[in-house]
Full PDB file with SEQRES, HELIX, SHEET, SSBOND, CRYST1, ORIGX, SCALE, CONECT and MASTER records, all heavy atoms in Angstrom:
SEQRES   1 A   40  ASN HIS GLY ALA MET LEU PRO MET PHE CYS LEU PHE PHE          
SEQRES   2 A   40  GLY PHE GLY SER CYS MET THR ALA PHE THR TYR CYS LEU          
SEQRES   3 A   40  SER PHE LEU PHE ASP THR HIS THR ARG ALA GLN VAL LEU          
SEQRES   4 A   40  THR                                                          
HELIX    1 AA1 MET A    5  SER A   27  1                                  23    
HELIX    2 AA2 HIS A   33  LEU A   39  1                                   7    
CRYST1    1.000    1.000    1.000  90.00  90.00  90.00 P 1           1          
ORIGX1      1.000000  0.000000  0.000000        0.00000                         
ORIGX2      0.000000  1.000000  0.000000        0.00000                         
ORIGX3      0.000000  0.000000  1.000000        0.00000                         
SCALE1      1.000000  0.000000  0.000000        0.00000                         
SCALE2      0.000000  1.000000  0.000000        0.00000                         
SCALE3      0.000000  0.000000  1.000000        0.00000                         
ATOM      1  N   ASN A   1      22.098   6.939  -7.765  1.00  0.00           N  
ATOM      2  CA  ASN A   1      23.494   7.294  -7.479  1.00  0.00           C  
ATOM      3  C   ASN A   1      23.712   7.694  -6.028  1.00  0.00           C  
ATOM      4  O   ASN A   1      22.760   7.937  -5.289  1.00  0.00           O  
ATOM      5  CB  ASN A   1      23.973   8.425  -8.400  1.00  0.00           C  
ATOM      6  CG  ASN A   1      24.104   7.945  -9.847  1.00  0.00           C  
ATOM      7  OD1 ASN A   1      24.149   6.749 -10.112  1.00  0.00           O  
ATOM      8  ND2 ASN A   1      24.151   8.875 -10.780  1.00  0.00           N  
ATOM      9  N   HIS A   2      24.990   7.798  -5.664  1.00  0.00           N  
ATOM     10  CA  HIS A   2      25.401   8.260  -4.325  1.00  0.00           C  
ATOM     11  C   HIS A   2      24.788   7.388  -3.210  1.00  0.00           C  
ATOM     12  O   HIS A   2      24.386   7.875  -2.154  1.00  0.00           O  
ATOM     13  CB  HIS A   2      25.007   9.726  -4.122  1.00  0.00           C  
ATOM     14  CG  HIS A   2      25.471  10.632  -5.212  1.00  0.00           C  
ATOM     15  ND1 HIS A   2      26.805  10.860  -5.491  1.00  0.00           N  
ATOM     16  CD2 HIS A   2      24.772  11.315  -6.164  1.00  0.00           C  
ATOM     17  CE1 HIS A   2      26.909  11.713  -6.512  1.00  0.00           C  
ATOM     18  NE2 HIS A   2      25.683  11.969  -6.941  1.00  0.00           N  
ATOM     19  N   GLY A   3      24.651   6.088  -3.472  1.00  0.00           N  
ATOM     20  CA  GLY A   3      24.128   5.194  -2.478  1.00  0.00           C  
ATOM     21  C   GLY A   3      22.634   5.272  -2.243  1.00  0.00           C  
ATOM     22  O   GLY A   3      22.128   4.892  -1.176  1.00  0.00           O  
ATOM     23  N   ALA A   4      21.895   5.750  -3.259  1.00  0.00           N  
ATOM     24  CA  ALA A   4      20.451   5.944  -3.076  1.00  0.00           C  
ATOM     25  C   ALA A   4      19.633   4.689  -3.301  1.00  0.00           C  
ATOM     26  O   ALA A   4      18.450   4.618  -2.913  1.00  0.00           O  
ATOM     27  CB  ALA A   4      19.962   7.031  -4.033  1.00  0.00           C  
ATOM     28  N   MET A   5      20.230   3.652  -3.923  1.00  0.00           N  
ATOM     29  CA  MET A   5      19.437   2.487  -4.277  1.00  0.00           C  
ATOM     30  C   MET A   5      18.913   1.732  -3.046  1.00  0.00           C  
ATOM     31  O   MET A   5      17.743   1.327  -3.000  1.00  0.00           O  
ATOM     32  CB  MET A   5      20.270   1.520  -5.135  1.00  0.00           C  
ATOM     33  CG  MET A   5      20.299   1.914  -6.601  1.00  0.00           C  
ATOM     34  SD  MET A   5      18.648   1.973  -7.374  1.00  0.00           S  
ATOM     35  CE  MET A   5      18.276   0.226  -7.473  1.00  0.00           C  
ATOM     36  N   LEU A   6      19.750   1.561  -2.014  1.00  0.00           N  
ATOM     37  CA  LEU A   6      19.317   0.873  -0.822  1.00  0.00           C  
ATOM     38  C   LEU A   6      18.208   1.649  -0.098  1.00  0.00           C  
ATOM     39  O   LEU A   6      17.170   1.059   0.285  1.00  0.00           O  
ATOM     40  CB  LEU A   6      20.476   0.606   0.126  1.00  0.00           C  
ATOM     41  CG  LEU A   6      20.134  -0.176   1.418  1.00  0.00           C  
ATOM     42  CD1 LEU A   6      19.470  -1.494   1.097  1.00  0.00           C  
ATOM     43  CD2 LEU A   6      21.378  -0.339   2.273  1.00  0.00           C  
ATOM     44  N   PRO A   7      18.362   2.972   0.093  1.00  0.00           N  
ATOM     45  CA  PRO A   7      17.227   3.738   0.694  1.00  0.00           C  
ATOM     46  C   PRO A   7      15.960   3.649  -0.145  1.00  0.00           C  
ATOM     47  O   PRO A   7      14.854   3.565   0.398  1.00  0.00           O  
ATOM     48  CB  PRO A   7      17.757   5.173   0.741  1.00  0.00           C  
ATOM     49  CG  PRO A   7      19.219   5.022   0.792  1.00  0.00           C  
ATOM     50  CD  PRO A   7      19.549   3.810  -0.029  1.00  0.00           C  
ATOM     51  N   MET A   8      16.103   3.615  -1.485  1.00  0.00           N  
ATOM     52  CA  MET A   8      14.924   3.479  -2.344  1.00  0.00           C  
ATOM     53  C   MET A   8      14.256   2.125  -2.166  1.00  0.00           C  
ATOM     54  O   MET A   8      13.023   2.012  -2.129  1.00  0.00           O  
ATOM     55  CB  MET A   8      15.316   3.664  -3.803  1.00  0.00           C  
ATOM     56  CG  MET A   8      15.651   5.093  -4.199  1.00  0.00           C  
ATOM     57  SD  MET A   8      14.285   6.254  -4.018  1.00  0.00           S  
ATOM     58  CE  MET A   8      14.640   6.991  -2.427  1.00  0.00           C  
ATOM     59  N   PHE A   9      15.075   1.096  -2.015  1.00  0.00           N  
ATOM     60  CA  PHE A   9      14.517  -0.237  -1.752  1.00  0.00           C  
ATOM     61  C   PHE A   9      13.763  -0.257  -0.438  1.00  0.00           C  
ATOM     62  O   PHE A   9      12.630  -0.785  -0.338  1.00  0.00           O  
ATOM     63  CB  PHE A   9      15.626  -1.276  -1.738  1.00  0.00           C  
ATOM     64  CG  PHE A   9      15.183  -2.653  -1.371  1.00  0.00           C  
ATOM     65  CD1 PHE A   9      14.624  -3.515  -2.344  1.00  0.00           C  
ATOM     66  CD2 PHE A   9      15.261  -3.114  -0.052  1.00  0.00           C  
ATOM     67  CE1 PHE A   9      14.191  -4.767  -1.987  1.00  0.00           C  
ATOM     68  CE2 PHE A   9      14.797  -4.369   0.293  1.00  0.00           C  
ATOM     69  CZ  PHE A   9      14.290  -5.227  -0.689  1.00  0.00           C  
ATOM     70  N   CYS A  10      14.362   0.325   0.606  1.00  0.00           N  
ATOM     71  CA  CYS A  10      13.680   0.368   1.904  1.00  0.00           C  
ATOM     72  C   CYS A  10      12.398   1.190   1.828  1.00  0.00           C  
ATOM     73  O   CYS A  10      11.373   0.817   2.437  1.00  0.00           O  
ATOM     74  CB  CYS A  10      14.632   0.997   2.945  1.00  0.00           C  
ATOM     75  SG  CYS A  10      16.114   0.033   3.317  1.00  0.00           S  
ATOM     76  N   LEU A  11      12.437   2.276   1.064  1.00  0.00           N  
ATOM     77  CA  LEU A  11      11.230   3.129   0.941  1.00  0.00           C  
ATOM     78  C   LEU A  11      10.082   2.368   0.266  1.00  0.00           C  
ATOM     79  O   LEU A  11       8.978   2.321   0.774  1.00  0.00           O  
ATOM     80  CB  LEU A  11      11.594   4.389   0.136  1.00  0.00           C  
ATOM     81  CG  LEU A  11      10.406   5.290  -0.241  1.00  0.00           C  
ATOM     82  CD1 LEU A  11       9.763   5.860   1.010  1.00  0.00           C  
ATOM     83  CD2 LEU A  11      10.852   6.388  -1.180  1.00  0.00           C  
ATOM     84  N   PHE A  12      10.376   1.747  -0.858  1.00  0.00           N  
ATOM     85  CA  PHE A  12       9.314   1.057  -1.594  1.00  0.00           C  
ATOM     86  C   PHE A  12       8.848  -0.212  -0.848  1.00  0.00           C  
ATOM     87  O   PHE A  12       7.657  -0.514  -0.885  1.00  0.00           O  
ATOM     88  CB  PHE A  12       9.803   0.694  -2.994  1.00  0.00           C  
ATOM     89  CG  PHE A  12       9.714   1.809  -3.973  1.00  0.00           C  
ATOM     90  CD1 PHE A  12      10.824   2.627  -4.254  1.00  0.00           C  
ATOM     91  CD2 PHE A  12       8.516   2.117  -4.621  1.00  0.00           C  
ATOM     92  CE1 PHE A  12      10.745   3.663  -5.138  1.00  0.00           C  
ATOM     93  CE2 PHE A  12       8.422   3.155  -5.503  1.00  0.00           C  
ATOM     94  CZ  PHE A  12       9.554   3.972  -5.780  1.00  0.00           C  
ATOM     95  N   PHE A  13       9.760  -0.880  -0.164  1.00  0.00           N  
ATOM     96  CA  PHE A  13       9.334  -2.044   0.618  1.00  0.00           C  
ATOM     97  C   PHE A  13       8.463  -1.584   1.803  1.00  0.00           C  
ATOM     98  O   PHE A  13       7.414  -2.226   2.079  1.00  0.00           O  
ATOM     99  CB  PHE A  13      10.549  -2.786   1.154  1.00  0.00           C  
ATOM    100  CG  PHE A  13      10.203  -4.063   1.903  1.00  0.00           C  
ATOM    101  CD1 PHE A  13      10.007  -5.237   1.194  1.00  0.00           C  
ATOM    102  CD2 PHE A  13      10.072  -4.042   3.283  1.00  0.00           C  
ATOM    103  CE1 PHE A  13       9.673  -6.398   1.886  1.00  0.00           C  
ATOM    104  CE2 PHE A  13       9.742  -5.200   3.951  1.00  0.00           C  
ATOM    105  CZ  PHE A  13       9.539  -6.377   3.260  1.00  0.00           C  
ATOM    106  N   GLY A  14       8.880  -0.536   2.496  1.00  0.00           N  
ATOM    107  CA  GLY A  14       8.066  -0.009   3.609  1.00  0.00           C  
ATOM    108  C   GLY A  14       6.716   0.477   3.130  1.00  0.00           C  
ATOM    109  O   GLY A  14       5.696   0.270   3.806  1.00  0.00           O  
ATOM    110  N   PHE A  15       6.701   1.147   1.955  1.00  0.00           N  
ATOM    111  CA  PHE A  15       5.420   1.601   1.407  1.00  0.00           C  
ATOM    112  C   PHE A  15       4.509   0.403   1.115  1.00  0.00           C  
ATOM    113  O   PHE A  15       3.304   0.429   1.438  1.00  0.00           O  
ATOM    114  CB  PHE A  15       5.654   2.382   0.127  1.00  0.00           C  
ATOM    115  CG  PHE A  15       4.384   2.632  -0.659  1.00  0.00           C  
ATOM    116  CD1 PHE A  15       3.501   3.623  -0.291  1.00  0.00           C  
ATOM    117  CD2 PHE A  15       4.078   1.834  -1.756  1.00  0.00           C  
ATOM    118  CE1 PHE A  15       2.321   3.842  -0.992  1.00  0.00           C  
ATOM    119  CE2 PHE A  15       2.924   2.036  -2.474  1.00  0.00           C  
ATOM    120  CZ  PHE A  15       2.046   3.047  -2.111  1.00  0.00           C  
ATOM    121  N   GLY A  16       5.037  -0.642   0.515  1.00  0.00           N  
ATOM    122  CA  GLY A  16       4.245  -1.802   0.173  1.00  0.00           C  
ATOM    123  C   GLY A  16       3.637  -2.468   1.394  1.00  0.00           C  
ATOM    124  O   GLY A  16       2.441  -2.804   1.424  1.00  0.00           O  
ATOM    125  N   SER A  17       4.429  -2.661   2.424  1.00  0.00           N  
ATOM    126  CA  SER A  17       3.934  -3.312   3.636  1.00  0.00           C  
ATOM    127  C   SER A  17       2.899  -2.455   4.349  1.00  0.00           C  
ATOM    128  O   SER A  17       1.858  -2.925   4.783  1.00  0.00           O  
ATOM    129  CB  SER A  17       5.080  -3.637   4.583  1.00  0.00           C  
ATOM    130  OG  SER A  17       5.762  -2.429   4.980  1.00  0.00           O  
ATOM    131  N   CYS A  18       3.164  -1.133   4.443  1.00  0.00           N  
ATOM    132  CA  CYS A  18       2.251  -0.244   5.119  1.00  0.00           C  
ATOM    133  C   CYS A  18       0.940  -0.073   4.302  1.00  0.00           C  
ATOM    134  O   CYS A  18      -0.161  -0.109   4.871  1.00  0.00           O  
ATOM    135  CB  CYS A  18       2.891   1.116   5.339  1.00  0.00           C  
ATOM    136  SG  CYS A  18       1.938   2.251   6.375  1.00  0.00           S  
ATOM    137  N   MET A  19       1.071   0.057   2.984  1.00  0.00           N  
ATOM    138  CA  MET A  19      -0.119   0.224   2.160  1.00  0.00           C  
ATOM    139  C   MET A  19      -0.979  -1.049   2.182  1.00  0.00           C  
ATOM    140  O   MET A  19      -2.223  -0.956   2.210  1.00  0.00           O  
ATOM    141  CB  MET A  19       0.297   0.554   0.729  1.00  0.00           C  
ATOM    142  CG  MET A  19      -0.877   0.650  -0.268  1.00  0.00           C  
ATOM    143  SD  MET A  19      -2.156   1.821   0.274  1.00  0.00           S  
ATOM    144  CE  MET A  19      -1.369   3.363  -0.168  1.00  0.00           C  
ATOM    145  N   THR A  20      -0.351  -2.210   2.208  1.00  0.00           N  
ATOM    146  CA  THR A  20      -1.105  -3.451   2.265  1.00  0.00           C  
ATOM    147  C   THR A  20      -1.923  -3.538   3.573  1.00  0.00           C  
ATOM    148  O   THR A  20      -3.120  -3.831   3.550  1.00  0.00           O  
ATOM    149  CB  THR A  20      -0.168  -4.664   2.169  1.00  0.00           C  
ATOM    150  OG1 THR A  20       0.545  -4.608   0.928  1.00  0.00           O  
ATOM    151  CG2 THR A  20      -0.923  -5.972   2.249  1.00  0.00           C  
ATOM    152  N   ALA A  21      -1.276  -3.264   4.679  1.00  0.00           N  
ATOM    153  CA  ALA A  21      -1.975  -3.298   5.978  1.00  0.00           C  
ATOM    154  C   ALA A  21      -3.038  -2.228   6.056  1.00  0.00           C  
ATOM    155  O   ALA A  21      -4.153  -2.433   6.593  1.00  0.00           O  
ATOM    156  CB  ALA A  21      -0.970  -3.137   7.117  1.00  0.00           C  
ATOM    157  N   PHE A  22      -2.740  -1.036   5.520  1.00  0.00           N  
ATOM    158  CA  PHE A  22      -3.716   0.075   5.506  1.00  0.00           C  
ATOM    159  C   PHE A  22      -4.940  -0.302   4.641  1.00  0.00           C  
ATOM    160  O   PHE A  22      -6.082   0.011   5.021  1.00  0.00           O  
ATOM    161  CB  PHE A  22      -3.044   1.315   4.963  1.00  0.00           C  
ATOM    162  CG  PHE A  22      -3.956   2.514   4.863  1.00  0.00           C  
ATOM    163  CD1 PHE A  22      -4.448   3.132   5.988  1.00  0.00           C  
ATOM    164  CD2 PHE A  22      -4.307   3.060   3.621  1.00  0.00           C  
ATOM    165  CE1 PHE A  22      -5.295   4.242   5.916  1.00  0.00           C  
ATOM    166  CE2 PHE A  22      -5.147   4.153   3.536  1.00  0.00           C  
ATOM    167  CZ  PHE A  22      -5.626   4.737   4.684  1.00  0.00           C  
ATOM    168  N   THR A  23      -4.722  -0.977   3.553  1.00  0.00           N  
ATOM    169  CA  THR A  23      -5.814  -1.412   2.683  1.00  0.00           C  
ATOM    170  C   THR A  23      -6.695  -2.430   3.383  1.00  0.00           C  
ATOM    171  O   THR A  23      -7.923  -2.456   3.216  1.00  0.00           O  
ATOM    172  CB  THR A  23      -5.268  -1.998   1.379  1.00  0.00           C  
ATOM    173  OG1 THR A  23      -4.450  -1.005   0.735  1.00  0.00           O  
ATOM    174  CG2 THR A  23      -6.397  -2.360   0.418  1.00  0.00           C  
ATOM    175  N   TYR A  24      -6.101  -3.315   4.194  1.00  0.00           N  
ATOM    176  CA  TYR A  24      -6.901  -4.262   4.944  1.00  0.00           C  
ATOM    177  C   TYR A  24      -7.883  -3.535   5.847  1.00  0.00           C  
ATOM    178  O   TYR A  24      -9.057  -3.940   6.004  1.00  0.00           O  
ATOM    179  CB  TYR A  24      -5.994  -5.179   5.771  1.00  0.00           C  
ATOM    180  CG  TYR A  24      -5.144  -6.117   4.986  1.00  0.00           C  
ATOM    181  CD1 TYR A  24      -4.056  -6.763   5.564  1.00  0.00           C  
ATOM    182  CD2 TYR A  24      -5.415  -6.409   3.646  1.00  0.00           C  
ATOM    183  CE1 TYR A  24      -3.267  -7.660   4.837  1.00  0.00           C  
ATOM    184  CE2 TYR A  24      -4.647  -7.285   2.926  1.00  0.00           C  
ATOM    185  CZ  TYR A  24      -3.567  -7.911   3.516  1.00  0.00           C  
ATOM    186  OH  TYR A  24      -2.800  -8.779   2.793  1.00  0.00           O  
ATOM    187  N   CYS A  25      -7.422  -2.474   6.515  1.00  0.00           N  
ATOM    188  CA  CYS A  25      -8.325  -1.684   7.364  1.00  0.00           C  
ATOM    189  C   CYS A  25      -9.459  -1.039   6.542  1.00  0.00           C  
ATOM    190  O   CYS A  25     -10.619  -1.056   6.969  1.00  0.00           O  
ATOM    191  CB  CYS A  25      -7.537  -0.627   8.109  1.00  0.00           C  
ATOM    192  SG  CYS A  25      -6.376  -1.235   9.344  1.00  0.00           S  
ATOM    193  N   LEU A  26      -9.094  -0.500   5.378  1.00  0.00           N  
ATOM    194  CA  LEU A  26     -10.113   0.128   4.525  1.00  0.00           C  
ATOM    195  C   LEU A  26     -11.145  -0.865   4.042  1.00  0.00           C  
ATOM    196  O   LEU A  26     -12.299  -0.515   3.777  1.00  0.00           O  
ATOM    197  CB  LEU A  26      -9.453   0.801   3.337  1.00  0.00           C  
ATOM    198  CG  LEU A  26      -8.731   2.148   3.534  1.00  0.00           C  
ATOM    199  CD1 LEU A  26      -8.202   2.648   2.220  1.00  0.00           C  
ATOM    200  CD2 LEU A  26      -9.693   3.168   4.140  1.00  0.00           C  
ATOM    201  N   SER A  27     -10.754  -2.126   3.886  1.00  0.00           N  
ATOM    202  CA  SER A  27     -11.644  -3.127   3.276  1.00  0.00           C  
ATOM    203  C   SER A  27     -12.925  -3.321   4.085  1.00  0.00           C  
ATOM    204  O   SER A  27     -13.953  -3.705   3.538  1.00  0.00           O  
ATOM    205  CB  SER A  27     -10.912  -4.477   3.104  1.00  0.00           C  
ATOM    206  OG  SER A  27     -10.647  -5.042   4.403  1.00  0.00           O  
ATOM    207  N   PHE A  28     -12.883  -3.037   5.382  1.00  0.00           N  
ATOM    208  CA  PHE A  28     -14.085  -3.219   6.217  1.00  0.00           C  
ATOM    209  C   PHE A  28     -15.152  -2.180   5.947  1.00  0.00           C  
ATOM    210  O   PHE A  28     -16.271  -2.323   6.402  1.00  0.00           O  
ATOM    211  CB  PHE A  28     -13.696  -3.169   7.703  1.00  0.00           C  
ATOM    212  CG  PHE A  28     -12.846  -4.339   8.154  1.00  0.00           C  
ATOM    213  CD1 PHE A  28     -11.520  -4.124   8.455  1.00  0.00           C  
ATOM    214  CD2 PHE A  28     -13.365  -5.588   8.249  1.00  0.00           C  
ATOM    215  CE1 PHE A  28     -10.714  -5.187   8.870  1.00  0.00           C  
ATOM    216  CE2 PHE A  28     -12.577  -6.658   8.668  1.00  0.00           C  
ATOM    217  CZ  PHE A  28     -11.247  -6.466   8.978  1.00  0.00           C  
ATOM    218  N   LEU A  29     -14.812  -1.143   5.174  1.00  0.00           N  
ATOM    219  CA  LEU A  29     -15.796  -0.088   4.849  1.00  0.00           C  
ATOM    220  C   LEU A  29     -16.706  -0.473   3.701  1.00  0.00           C  
ATOM    221  O   LEU A  29     -17.693   0.218   3.423  1.00  0.00           O  
ATOM    222  CB  LEU A  29     -15.086   1.219   4.519  1.00  0.00           C  
ATOM    223  CG  LEU A  29     -14.171   1.821   5.601  1.00  0.00           C  
ATOM    224  CD1 LEU A  29     -13.490   3.056   5.076  1.00  0.00           C  
ATOM    225  CD2 LEU A  29     -14.962   2.133   6.847  1.00  0.00           C  
ATOM    226  N   PHE A  30     -16.414  -1.573   3.011  1.00  0.00           N  
ATOM    227  CA  PHE A  30     -17.129  -1.918   1.772  1.00  0.00           C  
ATOM    228  C   PHE A  30     -17.788  -3.263   1.852  1.00  0.00           C  
ATOM    229  O   PHE A  30     -17.329  -4.172   2.566  1.00  0.00           O  
ATOM    230  CB  PHE A  30     -16.166  -1.887   0.581  1.00  0.00           C  
ATOM    231  CG  PHE A  30     -15.332  -0.617   0.481  1.00  0.00           C  
ATOM    232  CD1 PHE A  30     -13.980  -0.603   0.857  1.00  0.00           C  
ATOM    233  CD2 PHE A  30     -15.903   0.556   0.042  1.00  0.00           C  
ATOM    234  CE1 PHE A  30     -13.231   0.567   0.762  1.00  0.00           C  
ATOM    235  CE2 PHE A  30     -15.172   1.729  -0.038  1.00  0.00           C  
ATOM    236  CZ  PHE A  30     -13.836   1.732   0.318  1.00  0.00           C  
ATOM    237  N   ASP A  31     -18.910  -3.377   1.104  1.00  0.00           N  
ATOM    238  CA  ASP A  31     -19.654  -4.626   1.031  1.00  0.00           C  
ATOM    239  C   ASP A  31     -19.539  -5.317  -0.329  1.00  0.00           C  
ATOM    240  O   ASP A  31     -19.801  -6.512  -0.431  1.00  0.00           O  
ATOM    241  CB  ASP A  31     -21.140  -4.366   1.338  1.00  0.00           C  
ATOM    242  CG  ASP A  31     -21.359  -3.895   2.760  1.00  0.00           C  
ATOM    243  OD1 ASP A  31     -20.646  -4.367   3.650  1.00  0.00           O  
ATOM    244  OD2 ASP A  31     -22.235  -3.042   2.956  1.00  0.00           O  
ATOM    245  N   THR A  32     -19.157  -4.562  -1.366  1.00  0.00           N  
ATOM    246  CA  THR A  32     -19.021  -5.150  -2.682  1.00  0.00           C  
ATOM    247  C   THR A  32     -17.619  -4.895  -3.195  1.00  0.00           C  
ATOM    248  O   THR A  32     -17.070  -3.803  -2.988  1.00  0.00           O  
ATOM    249  CB  THR A  32     -20.050  -4.572  -3.677  1.00  0.00           C  
ATOM    250  OG1 THR A  32     -19.878  -3.142  -3.776  1.00  0.00           O  
ATOM    251  CG2 THR A  32     -21.479  -4.826  -3.208  1.00  0.00           C  
ATOM    252  N   HIS A  33     -17.050  -5.866  -3.898  1.00  0.00           N  
ATOM    253  CA  HIS A  33     -15.639  -5.737  -4.299  1.00  0.00           C  
ATOM    254  C   HIS A  33     -15.468  -4.726  -5.422  1.00  0.00           C  
ATOM    255  O   HIS A  33     -14.400  -4.116  -5.526  1.00  0.00           O  
ATOM    256  CB  HIS A  33     -15.107  -7.101  -4.743  1.00  0.00           C  
ATOM    257  CG  HIS A  33     -15.663  -7.599  -6.023  1.00  0.00           C  
ATOM    258  ND1 HIS A  33     -16.914  -8.190  -6.139  1.00  0.00           N  
ATOM    259  CD2 HIS A  33     -15.154  -7.606  -7.289  1.00  0.00           C  
ATOM    260  CE1 HIS A  33     -17.140  -8.552  -7.392  1.00  0.00           C  
ATOM    261  NE2 HIS A  33     -16.069  -8.203  -8.101  1.00  0.00           N  
ATOM    262  N   THR A  34     -16.482  -4.490  -6.271  1.00  0.00           N  
ATOM    263  CA  THR A  34     -16.331  -3.520  -7.344  1.00  0.00           C  
ATOM    264  C   THR A  34     -16.258  -2.115  -6.778  1.00  0.00           C  
ATOM    265  O   THR A  34     -15.400  -1.289  -7.181  1.00  0.00           O  
ATOM    266  CB  THR A  34     -17.506  -3.643  -8.312  1.00  0.00           C  
ATOM    267  OG1 THR A  34     -18.740  -3.588  -7.579  1.00  0.00           O  
ATOM    268  CG2 THR A  34     -17.449  -4.946  -9.077  1.00  0.00           C  
ATOM    269  N   ARG A  35     -17.169  -1.777  -5.834  1.00  0.00           N  
ATOM    270  CA  ARG A  35     -17.136  -0.456  -5.220  1.00  0.00           C  
ATOM    271  C   ARG A  35     -15.858  -0.281  -4.418  1.00  0.00           C  
ATOM    272  O   ARG A  35     -15.248   0.796  -4.397  1.00  0.00           O  
ATOM    273  CB  ARG A  35     -18.353  -0.274  -4.313  1.00  0.00           C  
ATOM    274  CG  ARG A  35     -18.434   1.125  -3.703  1.00  0.00           C  
ATOM    275  CD  ARG A  35     -19.618   1.263  -2.747  1.00  0.00           C  
ATOM    276  NE  ARG A  35     -20.877   1.147  -3.462  1.00  0.00           N  
ATOM    277  CZ  ARG A  35     -21.752   0.157  -3.259  1.00  0.00           C  
ATOM    278  NH1 ARG A  35     -21.460  -0.803  -2.383  1.00  0.00           N  
ATOM    279  NH2 ARG A  35     -22.866   0.121  -3.915  1.00  0.00           N  
ATOM    280  N   ALA A  36     -15.432  -1.343  -3.734  1.00  0.00           N  
ATOM    281  CA  ALA A  36     -14.201  -1.259  -2.941  1.00  0.00           C  
ATOM    282  C   ALA A  36     -12.999  -0.959  -3.828  1.00  0.00           C  
ATOM    283  O   ALA A  36     -12.135  -0.122  -3.458  1.00  0.00           O  
ATOM    284  CB  ALA A  36     -13.994  -2.577  -2.197  1.00  0.00           C  
ATOM    285  N   GLN A  37     -12.909  -1.605  -4.976  1.00  0.00           N  
ATOM    286  CA  GLN A  37     -11.754  -1.404  -5.839  1.00  0.00           C  
ATOM    287  C   GLN A  37     -11.682   0.041  -6.348  1.00  0.00           C  
ATOM    288  O   GLN A  37     -10.632   0.686  -6.292  1.00  0.00           O  
ATOM    289  CB  GLN A  37     -11.808  -2.371  -7.020  1.00  0.00           C  
ATOM    290  CG  GLN A  37     -10.553  -2.356  -7.892  1.00  0.00           C  
ATOM    291  CD  GLN A  37     -10.623  -3.415  -8.963  1.00  0.00           C  
ATOM    292  OE1 GLN A  37     -11.676  -3.695  -9.517  1.00  0.00           O  
ATOM    293  NE2 GLN A  37      -9.480  -4.032  -9.270  1.00  0.00           N  
ATOM    294  N   VAL A  38     -12.821   0.588  -6.804  1.00  0.00           N  
ATOM    295  CA  VAL A  38     -12.842   1.928  -7.376  1.00  0.00           C  
ATOM    296  C   VAL A  38     -12.575   2.967  -6.285  1.00  0.00           C  
ATOM    297  O   VAL A  38     -11.708   3.841  -6.432  1.00  0.00           O  
ATOM    298  CB  VAL A  38     -14.175   2.183  -8.066  1.00  0.00           C  
ATOM    299  CG1 VAL A  38     -14.271   3.645  -8.497  1.00  0.00           C  
ATOM    300  CG2 VAL A  38     -14.366   1.288  -9.258  1.00  0.00           C  
ATOM    301  N   LEU A  39     -13.308   2.879  -5.173  1.00  0.00           N  
ATOM    302  CA  LEU A  39     -13.155   3.897  -4.140  1.00  0.00           C  
ATOM    303  C   LEU A  39     -11.817   3.846  -3.464  1.00  0.00           C  
ATOM    304  O   LEU A  39     -11.294   4.896  -3.031  1.00  0.00           O  
ATOM    305  CB  LEU A  39     -14.294   3.743  -3.120  1.00  0.00           C  
ATOM    306  CG  LEU A  39     -15.702   4.093  -3.630  1.00  0.00           C  
ATOM    307  CD1 LEU A  39     -16.737   3.932  -2.515  1.00  0.00           C  
ATOM    308  CD2 LEU A  39     -15.736   5.526  -4.175  1.00  0.00           C  
ATOM    309  N   THR A  40     -11.240   2.680  -3.293  1.00  0.00           N  
ATOM    310  CA  THR A  40      -9.916   2.584  -2.681  1.00  0.00           C  
ATOM    311  C   THR A  40      -8.854   3.283  -3.505  1.00  0.00           C  
ATOM    312  O   THR A  40      -8.001   4.018  -2.981  1.00  0.00           O  
ATOM    313  CB  THR A  40      -9.530   1.099  -2.462  1.00  0.00           C  
ATOM    314  OG1 THR A  40     -10.482   0.484  -1.622  1.00  0.00           O  
ATOM    315  CG2 THR A  40      -8.136   0.988  -1.844  1.00  0.00           C  
TER     316      THR A  40                                                      
MASTER        0    0    0    2    0    0    0    6  315    1    0    4          
END                                                                             
């Protein structure tokens, strides 16, 4: 309500893009995909 839907869309979209790029950086810390999935 009160015009919150557009800010919520921007928030979740920004979170998704930032989290994806942040995860790419974290991926270099791991050698196996199972350990990477759990620890991430």
